[in-house]
C-alpha cells in the first residue's frame, strides 16, 4: 500500500520542521507548504489529509476549508486562538478536527491517524 500524503501548511519554520519529521517517522508522505496559495495549488494535485494553520499568509485556513471540503479531503485546523467561536466556525465549515497551539507533535500524529481512520483511509 502506498504512503498516505499529508499536505502540511504551517508558516512557522521550526514547528513545520518538527511536524514534518514526526509525520515522516510515522510513515506519511508530507508535502510541506508555507502559505495558503501553495496549499490551494497542492490541493488541486491531491492528498489524503490537510493539516493547516488557521492564519496562513495569502489565504487563511477557513478559506482553504471550502476547497478541501469540495475535494473531499479531510482537514485539521491548527490555531493559537483558543476561542470557542473560532473552533465552532471551523467545524461549521467542515473541519475534521481542530488543534489549539501549543500542542505535542504526538497529538497531531494521533489526530491525523484518527481522522484518516474515520474517513476509511487505512495506512
PDB file of N, CA and C in Angstrom:
ATOM      1  N   UNK A   1       0.848  -1.189   0.000  1.00  0.00           N
ATOM      2  CA  UNK A   1       0.000   0.000   0.000  1.00  0.00           C
ATOM      3  C   UNK A   1       0.887   1.243   0.000  1.00  0.00           C
ATOM      4  N   UNK A   2       0.506   2.235  -0.766  1.00  0.00           N
ATOM      5  CA  UNK A   2       1.324   3.436  -0.849  1.00  0.00           C
ATOM      6  C   UNK A   2       1.141   4.308   0.397  1.00  0.00           C
ATOM      7  N   UNK A   3       2.114   5.156   0.615  1.00  0.00           N
ATOM      8  CA  UNK A   3       2.069   6.056   1.765  1.00  0.00           C
ATOM      9  C   UNK A   3       0.938   7.061   1.598  1.00  0.00           C
ATOM     10  N   UNK A   4       0.339   7.419   2.717  1.00  0.00           N
ATOM     11  CA  UNK A   4      -0.671   8.472   2.703  1.00  0.00           C
ATOM     12  C   UNK A   4       0.038   9.817   2.618  1.00  0.00           C
ATOM     13  N   UNK A   5      -0.573  10.734   1.897  1.00  0.00           N
ATOM     14  CA  UNK A   5       0.019  12.052   1.709  1.00  0.00           C
ATOM     15  C   UNK A   5      -0.694  13.074   2.576  1.00  0.00           C
ATOM     16  N   UNK A   6       0.095  13.771   3.376  1.00  0.00           N
ATOM     17  CA  UNK A   6      -0.421  14.857   4.203  1.00  0.00           C
ATOM     18  C   UNK A   6       0.099  16.165   3.648  1.00  0.00           C
ATOM     19  N   UNK A   7      -0.819  17.090   3.395  1.00  0.00           N
ATOM     20  CA  UNK A   7      -0.459  18.447   2.982  1.00  0.00           C
ATOM     21  C   UNK A   7      -0.356  19.262   4.266  1.00  0.00           C
ATOM     22  N   UNK A   8       0.853  19.677   4.613  1.00  0.00           N
ATOM     23  CA  UNK A   8       1.112  20.392   5.859  1.00  0.00           C
ATOM     24  C   UNK A   8       1.424  21.849   5.550  1.00  0.00           C
ATOM     25  N   UNK A   9       0.548  22.744   5.985  1.00  0.00           N
ATOM     26  CA  UNK A   9       0.745  24.176   5.759  1.00  0.00           C
ATOM     27  C   UNK A   9       0.891  24.875   7.099  1.00  0.00           C
ATOM     28  N   UNK A  10       2.111  25.263   7.395  1.00  0.00           N
ATOM     29  CA  UNK A  10       2.443  25.913   8.672  1.00  0.00           C
ATOM     30  C   UNK A  10       3.504  26.964   8.400  1.00  0.00           C
ATOM     31  N   UNK A  11       3.213  28.237   8.669  1.00  0.00           N
ATOM     32  CA  UNK A  11       4.187  29.288   8.378  1.00  0.00           C
ATOM     33  C   UNK A  11       5.401  29.321   9.311  1.00  0.00           C
ATOM     34  N   UNK A  12       5.262  28.781  10.521  1.00  0.00           N
ATOM     35  CA  UNK A  12       6.369  28.785  11.479  1.00  0.00           C
ATOM     36  C   UNK A  12       7.369  27.691  11.106  1.00  0.00           C
ATOM     37  N   UNK A  13       8.591  28.106  10.759  1.00  0.00           N
ATOM     38  CA  UNK A  13       9.602  27.178  10.248  1.00  0.00           C
ATOM     39  C   UNK A  13       9.949  26.055  11.228  1.00  0.00           C
ATOM     40  N   UNK A  14      10.142  26.382  12.482  1.00  0.00           N
ATOM     41  CA  UNK A  14      10.509  25.369  13.470  1.00  0.00           C
ATOM     42  C   UNK A  14       9.375  24.359  13.660  1.00  0.00           C
ATOM     43  N   UNK A  15       8.178  24.855  13.835  1.00  0.00           N
ATOM     44  CA  UNK A  15       7.029  23.972  14.020  1.00  0.00           C
ATOM     45  C   UNK A  15       6.793  23.109  12.778  1.00  0.00           C
ATOM     46  N   UNK A  16       6.957  23.706  11.621  1.00  0.00           N
ATOM     47  CA  UNK A  16       6.808  22.984  10.349  1.00  0.00           C
ATOM     48  C   UNK A  16       7.799  21.817  10.278  1.00  0.00           C
ATOM     49  N   UNK A  17       9.054  22.064  10.664  1.00  0.00           N
ATOM     50  CA  UNK A  17      10.089  21.022  10.618  1.00  0.00           C
ATOM     51  C   UNK A  17       9.797  19.905  11.617  1.00  0.00           C
ATOM     52  N   UNK A  18       9.423  20.277  12.840  1.00  0.00           N
ATOM     53  CA  UNK A  18       9.129  19.277  13.867  1.00  0.00           C
ATOM     54  C   UNK A  18       7.962  18.391  13.429  1.00  0.00           C
ATOM     55  N   UNK A  19       6.897  19.002  12.926  1.00  0.00           N
ATOM     56  CA  UNK A  19       5.737  18.224  12.486  1.00  0.00           C
ATOM     57  C   UNK A  19       6.082  17.344  11.285  1.00  0.00           C
ATOM     58  N   UNK A  20       6.821  17.897  10.340  1.00  0.00           N
ATOM     59  CA  UNK A  20       7.210  17.124   9.159  1.00  0.00           C
ATOM     60  C   UNK A  20       8.016  15.899   9.565  1.00  0.00           C
ATOM     61  N   UNK A  21       9.019  16.099  10.413  1.00  0.00           N
ATOM     62  CA  UNK A  21       9.856  14.981  10.862  1.00  0.00           C
ATOM     63  C   UNK A  21       9.025  13.922  11.573  1.00  0.00           C
ATOM     64  N   UNK A  22       8.143  14.351  12.458  1.00  0.00           N
ATOM     65  CA  UNK A  22       7.331  13.410  13.242  1.00  0.00           C
ATOM     66  C   UNK A  22       6.381  12.624  12.345  1.00  0.00           C
ATOM     67  N   UNK A  23       5.750  13.300  11.389  1.00  0.00           N
ATOM     68  CA  UNK A  23       4.826  12.625  10.471  1.00  0.00           C
ATOM     69  C   UNK A  23       5.568  11.634   9.566  1.00  0.00           C
ATOM     70  N   UNK A  24       6.762  12.017   9.119  1.00  0.00           N
ATOM     71  CA  UNK A  24       7.553  11.115   8.276  1.00  0.00           C
ATOM     72  C   UNK A  24       7.987   9.872   9.046  1.00  0.00           C
ATOM     73  N   UNK A  25       8.340  10.038  10.315  1.00  0.00           N
ATOM     74  CA  UNK A  25       8.703   8.896  11.157  1.00  0.00           C
ATOM     75  C   UNK A  25       7.543   7.903  11.215  1.00  0.00           C
ATOM     76  N   UNK A  26       6.318   8.427  11.194  1.00  0.00           N
ATOM     77  CA  UNK A  26       5.128   7.572  11.242  1.00  0.00           C
ATOM     78  C   UNK A  26       4.787   6.964   9.885  1.00  0.00           C
ATOM     79  N   UNK A  27       5.580   7.295   8.863  1.00  0.00           N
ATOM     80  CA  UNK A  27       5.381   6.671   7.563  1.00  0.00           C
ATOM     81  C   UNK A  27       4.544   7.456   6.577  1.00  0.00           C
ATOM     82  N   UNK A  28       4.226   8.695   6.904  1.00  0.00           N
ATOM     83  CA  UNK A  28       3.455   9.527   5.988  1.00  0.00           C
ATOM     84  C   UNK A  28       4.368  10.205   4.969  1.00  0.00           C
ATOM     85  N   UNK A  29       3.838  10.467   3.805  1.00  0.00           N
ATOM     86  CA  UNK A  29       4.493  11.340   2.831  1.00  0.00           C
ATOM     87  C   UNK A  29       3.976  12.740   3.152  1.00  0.00           C
ATOM     88  N   UNK A  30       4.877  13.709   3.319  1.00  0.00           N
ATOM     89  CA  UNK A  30       4.474  15.051   3.731  1.00  0.00           C
ATOM     90  C   UNK A  30       4.846  16.050   2.639  1.00  0.00           C
ATOM     91  N   UNK A  31       3.849  16.799   2.191  1.00  0.00           N
ATOM     92  CA  UNK A  31       4.076  17.905   1.269  1.00  0.00           C
ATOM     93  C   UNK A  31       4.077  19.159   2.130  1.00  0.00           C
ATOM     94  N   UNK A  32       5.219  19.824   2.201  1.00  0.00           N
ATOM     95  CA  UNK A  32       5.408  20.960   3.099  1.00  0.00           C
ATOM     96  C   UNK A  32       5.113  22.259   2.361  1.00  0.00           C
ATOM     97  N   UNK A  33       4.238  23.073   2.983  1.00  0.00           N
ATOM     98  CA  UNK A  33       3.787  24.324   2.371  1.00  0.00           C
ATOM     99  C   UNK A  33       3.882  25.445   3.404  1.00  0.00           C
ATOM    100  N   UNK A  34       4.075  26.665   2.927  1.00  0.00           N
ATOM    101  CA  UNK A  34       4.239  27.775   3.867  1.00  0.00           C
ATOM    102  C   UNK A  34       3.131  28.816   3.800  1.00  0.00           C
ATOM    103  N   UNK A  35       2.267  28.739   2.782  1.00  0.00           N
ATOM    104  CA  UNK A  35       1.203  29.736   2.687  1.00  0.00           C
ATOM    105  C   UNK A  35      -0.041  29.152   2.010  1.00  0.00           C
ATOM    106  N   UNK A  36      -1.108  29.908   2.050  1.00  0.00           N
ATOM    107  CA  UNK A  36      -2.384  29.442   1.530  1.00  0.00           C
ATOM    108  C   UNK A  36      -2.420  29.239   0.033  1.00  0.00           C
ATOM    109  N   UNK A  37      -1.687  30.036  -0.711  1.00  0.00           N
ATOM    110  CA  UNK A  37      -1.666  29.863  -2.167  1.00  0.00           C
ATOM    111  C   UNK A  37      -0.986  28.556  -2.548  1.00  0.00           C
ATOM    112  N   UNK A  38       0.126  28.237  -1.880  1.00  0.00           N
ATOM    113  CA  UNK A  38       0.797  26.953  -2.113  1.00  0.00           C
ATOM    114  C   UNK A  38      -0.129  25.794  -1.760  1.00  0.00           C
ATOM    115  N   UNK A  39      -0.873  25.947  -0.668  1.00  0.00           N
ATOM    116  CA  UNK A  39      -1.776  24.890  -0.233  1.00  0.00           C
ATOM    117  C   UNK A  39      -2.900  24.680  -1.245  1.00  0.00           C
ATOM    118  N   UNK A  40      -3.483  25.751  -1.745  1.00  0.00           N
ATOM    119  CA  UNK A  40      -4.540  25.610  -2.751  1.00  0.00           C
ATOM    120  C   UNK A  40      -4.025  24.886  -3.984  1.00  0.00           C
ATOM    121  N   UNK A  41      -2.825  25.210  -4.407  1.00  0.00           N
ATOM    122  CA  UNK A  41      -2.217  24.536  -5.555  1.00  0.00           C
ATOM    123  C   UNK A  41      -2.008  23.047  -5.259  1.00  0.00           C
ATOM    124  N   UNK A  42      -1.530  22.733  -4.068  1.00  0.00           N
ATOM    125  CA  UNK A  42      -1.284  21.341  -3.683  1.00  0.00           C
ATOM    126  C   UNK A  42      -2.586  20.549  -3.590  1.00  0.00           C
ATOM    127  N   UNK A  43      -3.656  21.187  -3.127  1.00  0.00           N
ATOM    128  CA  UNK A  43      -4.956  20.515  -3.031  1.00  0.00           C
ATOM    129  C   UNK A  43      -5.413  20.064  -4.419  1.00  0.00           C
ATOM    130  N   UNK A  44      -5.142  20.883  -5.420  1.00  0.00           N
ATOM    131  CA  UNK A  44      -5.521  20.528  -6.798  1.00  0.00           C
ATOM    132  C   UNK A  44      -4.819  19.245  -7.248  1.00  0.00           C
ATOM    133  N   UNK A  45      -3.636  18.985  -6.708  1.00  0.00           N
ATOM    134  CA  UNK A  45      -2.869  17.791  -7.080  1.00  0.00           C
ATOM    135  C   UNK A  45      -3.280  16.582  -6.243  1.00  0.00           C
ATOM    136  N   UNK A  46      -3.984  16.828  -5.138  1.00  0.00           N
ATOM    137  CA  UNK A  46      -4.490  15.750  -4.310  1.00  0.00           C
ATOM    138  C   UNK A  46      -3.694  15.508  -3.049  1.00  0.00           C
ATOM    139  N   UNK A  47      -4.322  14.802  -2.139  1.00  0.00           N
ATOM    140  CA  UNK A  47      -3.725  14.448  -0.864  1.00  0.00           C
ATOM    141  C   UNK A  47      -4.750  13.690  -0.050  1.00  0.00           C
ATOM    142  N   UNK A  48      -4.301  13.061   1.019  1.00  0.00           N
ATOM    143  CA  UNK A  48      -5.207  12.295   1.868  1.00  0.00           C
ATOM    144  C   UNK A  48      -5.715  13.095   3.060  1.00  0.00           C
ATOM    145  N   UNK A  49      -4.924  14.087   3.495  1.00  0.00           N
ATOM    146  CA  UNK A  49      -5.271  14.881   4.669  1.00  0.00           C
ATOM    147  C   UNK A  49      -4.544  16.209   4.596  1.00  0.00           C
ATOM    148  N   UNK A  50      -5.231  17.264   5.042  1.00  0.00           N
ATOM    149  CA  UNK A  50      -4.619  18.590   5.152  1.00  0.00           C
ATOM    150  C   UNK A  50      -4.497  18.918   6.634  1.00  0.00           C
ATOM    151  N   UNK A  51      -3.320  19.376   7.027  1.00  0.00           N
ATOM    152  CA  UNK A  51      -3.114  19.938   8.360  1.00  0.00           C
ATOM    153  C   UNK A  51      -2.624  21.362   8.118  1.00  0.00           C
ATOM    154  N   UNK A  52      -3.434  22.345   8.540  1.00  0.00           N
ATOM    155  CA  UNK A  52      -3.100  23.726   8.188  1.00  0.00           C
ATOM    156  C   UNK A  52      -3.365  24.697   9.330  1.00  0.00           C
ATOM    157  N   UNK A  53      -2.433  25.596   9.489  1.00  0.00           N
ATOM    158  CA  UNK A  53      -2.574  26.719  10.415  1.00  0.00           C
ATOM    159  C   UNK A  53      -3.729  27.592   9.931  1.00  0.00           C
ATOM    160  N   UNK A  54      -4.502  28.072  10.879  1.00  0.00           N
ATOM    161  CA  UNK A  54      -5.628  28.954  10.557  1.00  0.00           C
ATOM    162  C   UNK A  54      -5.151  30.248   9.887  1.00  0.00           C
ATOM    163  N   UNK A  55      -4.064  30.813  10.368  1.00  0.00           N
ATOM    164  CA  UNK A  55      -3.594  32.108   9.878  1.00  0.00           C
ATOM    165  C   UNK A  55      -2.435  31.938   8.896  1.00  0.00           C
ATOM    166  N   UNK A  56      -2.745  31.449   7.712  1.00  0.00           N
ATOM    167  CA  UNK A  56      -1.732  31.301   6.672  1.00  0.00           C
ATOM    168  C   UNK A  56      -1.595  32.603   5.894  1.00  0.00           C
ATOM    169  N   UNK A  57      -0.384  32.924   5.437  1.00  0.00           N
ATOM    170  CA  UNK A  57      -0.240  34.074   4.550  1.00  0.00           C
ATOM    171  C   UNK A  57      -1.033  33.847   3.256  1.00  0.00           C
ATOM    172  N   UNK A  58      -1.597  34.888   2.722  1.00  0.00           N
ATOM    173  CA  UNK A  58      -2.311  34.942   1.437  1.00  0.00           C
ATOM    174  C   UNK A  58      -3.716  34.345   1.471  1.00  0.00           C
ATOM    175  N   UNK A  59      -3.943  33.282   2.205  1.00  0.00           N
ATOM    176  CA  UNK A  59      -5.274  32.690   2.373  1.00  0.00           C
ATOM    177  C   UNK A  59      -5.315  32.092   3.769  1.00  0.00           C
ATOM    178  N   UNK A  60      -6.418  32.339   4.485  1.00  0.00           N
ATOM    179  CA  UNK A  60      -6.473  31.736   5.819  1.00  0.00           C
ATOM    180  C   UNK A  60      -7.065  30.334   5.751  1.00  0.00           C
ATOM    181  N   UNK A  61      -6.900  29.617   6.843  1.00  0.00           N
ATOM    182  CA  UNK A  61      -7.346  28.233   6.904  1.00  0.00           C
ATOM    183  C   UNK A  61      -8.826  28.060   6.637  1.00  0.00           C
ATOM    184  N   UNK A  62      -9.623  29.042   7.018  1.00  0.00           N
ATOM    185  CA  UNK A  62     -11.060  28.931   6.800  1.00  0.00           C
ATOM    186  C   UNK A  62     -11.400  29.054   5.313  1.00  0.00           C
ATOM    187  N   UNK A  63     -10.655  29.874   4.592  1.00  0.00           N
ATOM    188  CA  UNK A  63     -10.850  29.967   3.140  1.00  0.00           C
ATOM    189  C   UNK A  63     -10.462  28.646   2.469  1.00  0.00           C
ATOM    190  N   UNK A  64      -9.425  28.011   2.981  1.00  0.00           N
ATOM    191  CA  UNK A  64      -8.945  26.750   2.433  1.00  0.00           C
ATOM    192  C   UNK A  64      -9.965  25.631   2.657  1.00  0.00           C
ATOM    193  N   UNK A  65     -10.676  25.688   3.789  1.00  0.00           N
ATOM    194  CA  UNK A  65     -11.647  24.643   4.126  1.00  0.00           C
ATOM    195  C   UNK A  65     -12.667  24.412   3.007  1.00  0.00           C
ATOM    196  N   UNK A  66     -13.135  25.476   2.399  1.00  0.00           N
ATOM    197  CA  UNK A  66     -14.129  25.347   1.326  1.00  0.00           C
ATOM    198  C   UNK A  66     -13.605  24.462   0.199  1.00  0.00           C
ATOM    199  N   UNK A  67     -12.363  24.713  -0.200  1.00  0.00           N
ATOM    200  CA  UNK A  67     -11.755  23.912  -1.264  1.00  0.00           C
ATOM    201  C   UNK A  67     -11.532  22.481  -0.797  1.00  0.00           C
ATOM    202  N   UNK A  68     -11.066  22.310   0.422  1.00  0.00           N
ATOM    203  CA  UNK A  68     -10.826  20.966   0.956  1.00  0.00           C
ATOM    204  C   UNK A  68     -12.118  20.153   0.978  1.00  0.00           C
ATOM    205  N   UNK A  69     -13.182  20.758   1.477  1.00  0.00           N
ATOM    206  CA  UNK A  69     -14.467  20.068   1.553  1.00  0.00           C
ATOM    207  C   UNK A  69     -14.960  19.699   0.155  1.00  0.00           C
ATOM    208  N   UNK A  70     -14.798  20.614  -0.807  1.00  0.00           N
ATOM    209  CA  UNK A  70     -15.263  20.336  -2.172  1.00  0.00           C
ATOM    210  C   UNK A  70     -14.476  19.200  -2.823  1.00  0.00           C
ATOM    211  N   UNK A  71     -13.269  18.954  -2.359  1.00  0.00           N
ATOM    212  CA  UNK A  71     -12.422  17.871  -2.898  1.00  0.00           C
ATOM    213  C   UNK A  71     -12.474  16.611  -2.033  1.00  0.00           C
ATOM    214  N   UNK A  72     -13.304  16.636  -0.997  1.00  0.00           N
ATOM    215  CA  UNK A  72     -13.417  15.504  -0.072  1.00  0.00           C
ATOM    216  C   UNK A  72     -12.088  15.141   0.576  1.00  0.00           C
ATOM    217  N   UNK A  73     -11.296  16.156   0.896  1.00  0.00           N
ATOM    218  CA  UNK A  73     -10.035  15.942   1.618  1.00  0.00           C
ATOM    219  C   UNK A  73     -10.251  16.435   3.049  1.00  0.00           C
ATOM    220  N   UNK A  74     -10.111  15.560   4.038  1.00  0.00           N
ATOM    221  CA  UNK A  74     -10.292  16.000   5.419  1.00  0.00           C
ATOM    222  C   UNK A  74      -9.217  17.011   5.811  1.00  0.00           C
ATOM    223  N   UNK A  75      -9.595  17.912   6.720  1.00  0.00           N
ATOM    224  CA  UNK A  75      -8.662  18.970   7.128  1.00  0.00           C
ATOM    225  C   UNK A  75      -8.692  19.157   8.632  1.00  0.00           C
ATOM    226  N   UNK A  76      -7.496  19.215   9.201  1.00  0.00           N
ATOM    227  CA  UNK A  76      -7.318  19.558  10.607  1.00  0.00           C
ATOM    228  C   UNK A  76      -6.815  20.998  10.651  1.00  0.00           C
ATOM    229  N   UNK A  77      -7.536  21.854  11.381  1.00  0.00           N
ATOM    230  CA  UNK A  77      -7.155  23.258  11.519  1.00  0.00           C
ATOM    231  C   UNK A  77      -6.350  23.415  12.807  1.00  0.00           C
ATOM    232  N   UNK A  78      -5.229  24.122  12.698  1.00  0.00           N
ATOM    233  CA  UNK A  78      -4.388  24.444  13.852  1.00  0.00           C
ATOM    234  C   UNK A  78      -4.525  25.943  14.121  1.00  0.00           C
ATOM    235  N   UNK A  79      -4.647  26.318  15.396  1.00  0.00           N
ATOM    236  CA  UNK A  79      -4.793  27.734  15.709  1.00  0.00           C
ATOM    237  C   UNK A  79      -4.260  28.055  17.098  1.00  0.00           C
ATOM    238  N   UNK A  80      -3.764  29.270  17.246  1.00  0.00           N
ATOM    239  CA  UNK A  80      -3.376  29.784  18.553  1.00  0.00           C
ATOM    240  C   UNK A  80      -4.563  30.404  19.263  1.00  0.00           C
ATOM    241  N   UNK A  81      -5.604  30.705  18.513  1.00  0.00           N
ATOM    242  CA  UNK A  81      -6.772  31.371  19.078  1.00  0.00           C
ATOM    243  C   UNK A  81      -7.687  30.346  19.729  1.00  0.00           C
ATOM    244  N   UNK A  82      -7.589  30.242  21.040  1.00  0.00           N
ATOM    245  CA  UNK A  82      -8.412  29.284  21.780  1.00  0.00           C
ATOM    246  C   UNK A  82      -9.761  29.927  22.085  1.00  0.00           C
ATOM    247  N   UNK A  83     -10.463  30.273  21.022  1.00  0.00           N
ATOM    248  CA  UNK A  83     -11.764  30.895  21.161  1.00  0.00           C
ATOM    249  C   UNK A  83     -12.836  29.939  20.666  1.00  0.00           C
ATOM    250  N   UNK A  84     -13.853  29.751  21.474  1.00  0.00           N
ATOM    251  CA  UNK A  84     -14.915  28.825  21.111  1.00  0.00           C
ATOM    252  C   UNK A  84     -15.512  29.163  19.747  1.00  0.00           C
ATOM    253  N   UNK A  85     -15.692  30.455  19.454  1.00  0.00           N
ATOM    254  CA  UNK A  85     -16.312  30.834  18.174  1.00  0.00           C
ATOM    255  C   UNK A  85     -15.452  30.411  16.979  1.00  0.00           C
ATOM    256  N   UNK A  86     -14.130  30.482  17.115  1.00  0.00           N
ATOM    257  CA  UNK A  86     -13.237  30.049  16.028  1.00  0.00           C
ATOM    258  C   UNK A  86     -13.314  28.540  15.828  1.00  0.00           C
ATOM    259  N   UNK A  87     -13.346  27.812  16.928  1.00  0.00           N
ATOM    260  CA  UNK A  87     -13.438  26.354  16.861  1.00  0.00           C
ATOM    261  C   UNK A  87     -14.761  25.947  16.214  1.00  0.00           C
ATOM    262  N   UNK A  88     -15.852  26.548  16.666  1.00  0.00           N
ATOM    263  CA  UNK A  88     -17.167  26.224  16.115  1.00  0.00           C
ATOM    264  C   UNK A  88     -17.260  26.591  14.636  1.00  0.00           C
ATOM    265  N   UNK A  89     -16.658  27.717  14.268  1.00  0.00           N
ATOM    266  CA  UNK A  89     -16.653  28.124  12.857  1.00  0.00           C
ATOM    267  C   UNK A  89     -15.905  27.105  12.001  1.00  0.00           C
ATOM    268  N   UNK A  90     -14.779  26.621  12.497  1.00  0.00           N
ATOM    269  CA  UNK A  90     -14.013  25.620  11.750  1.00  0.00           C
ATOM    270  C   UNK A  90     -14.861  24.378  11.513  1.00  0.00           C
ATOM    271  N   UNK A  91     -15.531  23.904  12.548  1.00  0.00           N
ATOM    272  CA  UNK A  91     -16.364  22.715  12.386  1.00  0.00           C
ATOM    273  C   UNK A  91     -17.576  22.995  11.500  1.00  0.00           C
ATOM    274  N   UNK A  92     -18.155  24.179  11.615  1.00  0.00           N
ATOM    275  CA  UNK A  92     -19.303  24.544  10.769  1.00  0.00           C
ATOM    276  C   UNK A  92     -18.909  24.513   9.291  1.00  0.00           C
ATOM    277  N   UNK A  93     -17.664  24.914   9.003  1.00  0.00           N
ATOM    278  CA  UNK A  93     -17.190  24.957   7.619  1.00  0.00           C
ATOM    279  C   UNK A  93     -16.703  23.601   7.115  1.00  0.00           C
ATOM    280  N   UNK A  94     -16.645  22.613   7.997  1.00  0.00           N
ATOM    281  CA  UNK A  94     -16.301  21.273   7.548  1.00  0.00           C
ATOM    282  C   UNK A  94     -14.977  20.714   8.032  1.00  0.00           C
ATOM    283  N   UNK A  95     -14.333  21.379   8.993  1.00  0.00           N
ATOM    284  CA  UNK A  95     -13.068  20.841   9.519  1.00  0.00           C
ATOM    285  C   UNK A  95     -13.305  19.472  10.144  1.00  0.00           C
ATOM    286  N   UNK A  96     -12.341  18.592   9.968  1.00  0.00           N
ATOM    287  CA  UNK A  96     -12.417  17.258  10.568  1.00  0.00           C
ATOM    288  C   UNK A  96     -11.961  17.267  12.023  1.00  0.00           C
ATOM    289  N   UNK A  97     -11.103  18.234  12.360  1.00  0.00           N
ATOM    290  CA  UNK A  97     -10.609  18.355  13.726  1.00  0.00           C
ATOM    291  C   UNK A  97     -10.015  19.747  13.892  1.00  0.00           C
ATOM    292  N   UNK A  98      -9.758  20.126  15.129  1.00  0.00           N
ATOM    293  CA  UNK A  98      -9.211  21.437  15.462  1.00  0.00           C
ATOM    294  C   UNK A  98      -8.202  21.229  16.581  1.00  0.00           C
ATOM    295  N   UNK A  99      -7.001  21.787  16.425  1.00  0.00           N
ATOM    296  CA  UNK A  99      -5.953  21.641  17.432  1.00  0.00           C
ATOM    297  C   UNK A  99      -5.488  23.024  17.865  1.00  0.00           C
ATOM    298  N   UNK A 100      -5.503  23.242  19.178  1.00  0.00           N
ATOM    299  CA  UNK A 100      -5.014  24.504  19.741  1.00  0.00           C
ATOM    300  C   UNK A 100      -3.510  24.437  19.928  1.00  0.00           C
ATOM    301  N   UNK A 101      -2.838  25.563  19.645  1.00  0.00           N
ATOM    302  CA  UNK A 101      -1.428  25.704  19.986  1.00  0.00           C
ATOM    303  C   UNK A 101      -1.350  26.186  21.420  1.00  0.00           C
ATOM    304  N   UNK A 102      -0.367  25.783  22.176  1.00  0.00           N
ATOM    305  CA  UNK A 102       0.680  24.822  21.850  1.00  0.00           C
ATOM    306  C   UNK A 102       0.137  23.402  21.922  1.00  0.00           C
ATOM    307  N   UNK A 103       0.807  22.496  21.218  1.00  0.00           N
ATOM    308  CA  UNK A 103       0.393  21.104  21.207  1.00  0.00           C
ATOM    309  C   UNK A 103       1.630  20.226  21.088  1.00  0.00           C
ATOM    310  N   UNK A 104       1.446  18.955  21.318  1.00  0.00           N
ATOM    311  CA  UNK A 104       2.510  17.984  21.165  1.00  0.00           C
ATOM    312  C   UNK A 104       2.474  17.434  19.735  1.00  0.00           C
ATOM    313  N   UNK A 105       3.626  17.265  19.087  1.00  0.00           N
ATOM    314  CA  UNK A 105       3.628  16.632  17.767  1.00  0.00           C
ATOM    315  C   UNK A 105       2.980  15.248  17.796  1.00  0.00           C
ATOM    316  N   UNK A 106       3.103  14.540  18.922  1.00  0.00           N
ATOM    317  CA  UNK A 106       2.460  13.236  19.051  1.00  0.00           C
ATOM    318  C   UNK A 106       0.937  13.357  18.987  1.00  0.00           C
ATOM    319  N   UNK A 107       0.396  14.448  19.535  1.00  0.00           N
ATOM    320  CA  UNK A 107      -1.045  14.691  19.462  1.00  0.00           C
ATOM    321  C   UNK A 107      -1.477  14.880  18.012  1.00  0.00           C
ATOM    322  N   UNK A 108      -0.688  15.614  17.253  1.00  0.00           N
ATOM    323  CA  UNK A 108      -1.019  15.849  15.839  1.00  0.00           C
ATOM    324  C   UNK A 108      -1.034  14.525  15.080  1.00  0.00           C
ATOM    325  N   UNK A 109      -0.039  13.685  15.321  1.00  0.00           N
ATOM    326  CA  UNK A 109       0.019  12.374  14.662  1.00  0.00           C
ATOM    327  C   UNK A 109      -1.203  11.542  15.040  1.00  0.00           C
ATOM    328  N   UNK A 110      -1.538  11.505  16.325  1.00  0.00           N
ATOM    329  CA  UNK A 110      -2.689  10.723  16.783  1.00  0.00           C
ATOM    330  C   UNK A 110      -3.981  11.230  16.151  1.00  0.00           C
ATOM    331  N   UNK A 111      -4.137  12.530  16.091  1.00  0.00           N
ATOM    332  CA  UNK A 111      -5.355  13.096  15.498  1.00  0.00           C
ATOM    333  C   UNK A 111      -5.406  12.849  13.989  1.00  0.00           C
ATOM    334  N   UNK A 112      -4.250  12.937  13.325  1.00  0.00           N
ATOM    335  CA  UNK A 112      -4.199  12.663  11.885  1.00  0.00           C
ATOM    336  C   UNK A 112      -4.616  11.227  11.609  1.00  0.00           C
ATOM    337  N   UNK A 113      -4.080  10.294  12.370  1.00  0.00           N
ATOM    338  CA  UNK A 113      -4.439   8.884  12.197  1.00  0.00           C
ATOM    339  C   UNK A 113      -5.927   8.663  12.462  1.00  0.00           C
ATOM    340  N   UNK A 114      -6.446   9.328  13.487  1.00  0.00           N
ATOM    341  CA  UNK A 114      -7.856   9.203  13.834  1.00  0.00           C
ATOM    342  C   UNK A 114      -8.750   9.703  12.692  1.00  0.00           C
ATOM    343  N   UNK A 115      -8.434  10.857  12.154  1.00  0.00           N
ATOM    344  CA  UNK A 115      -9.233  11.412  11.056  1.00  0.00           C
ATOM    345  C   UNK A 115      -9.173  10.490   9.841  1.00  0.00           C
ATOM    346  N   UNK A 116      -7.988  10.031   9.501  1.00  0.00           N
ATOM    347  CA  UNK A 116      -7.840   9.150   8.347  1.00  0.00           C
ATOM    348  C   UNK A 116      -8.586   7.828   8.547  1.00  0.00           C
ATOM    349  N   UNK A 117      -8.548   7.291   9.752  1.00  0.00           N
ATOM    350  CA  UNK A 117      -9.290   6.065  10.046  1.00  0.00           C
ATOM    351  C   UNK A 117     -10.797   6.277   9.911  1.00  0.00           C
ATOM    352  N   UNK A 118     -11.286   7.411  10.410  1.00  0.00           N
ATOM    353  CA  UNK A 118     -12.716   7.725  10.293  1.00  0.00           C
ATOM    354  C   UNK A 118     -13.136   7.888   8.840  1.00  0.00           C
ATOM    355  N   UNK A 119     -12.215   8.373   8.014  1.00  0.00           N
ATOM    356  CA  UNK A 119     -12.516   8.576   6.594  1.00  0.00           C
ATOM    357  C   UNK A 119     -12.358   7.271   5.811  1.00  0.00           C
ATOM    358  N   UNK A 120     -11.902   6.235   6.487  1.00  0.00           N
ATOM    359  CA  UNK A 120     -11.726   4.953   5.813  1.00  0.00           C
ATOM    360  C   UNK A 120     -10.435   4.834   5.042  1.00  0.00           C
ATOM    361  N   UNK A 121      -9.486   5.727   5.333  1.00  0.00           N
ATOM    362  CA  UNK A 121      -8.181   5.680   4.684  1.00  0.00           C
ATOM    363  C   UNK A 121      -7.239   4.956   5.633  1.00  0.00           C
ATOM    364  N   UNK A 122      -6.890   3.742   5.316  1.00  0.00           N
ATOM    365  CA  UNK A 122      -6.024   2.939   6.188  1.00  0.00           C
ATOM    366  C   UNK A 122      -4.580   3.035   5.737  1.00  0.00           C
ATOM    367  N   UNK A 123      -3.676   3.042   6.711  1.00  0.00           N
ATOM    368  CA  UNK A 123      -2.249   3.092   6.429  1.00  0.00           C
ATOM    369  C   UNK A 123      -1.696   1.708   6.274  1.00  0.00           C
TER     370      UNK A 123
END
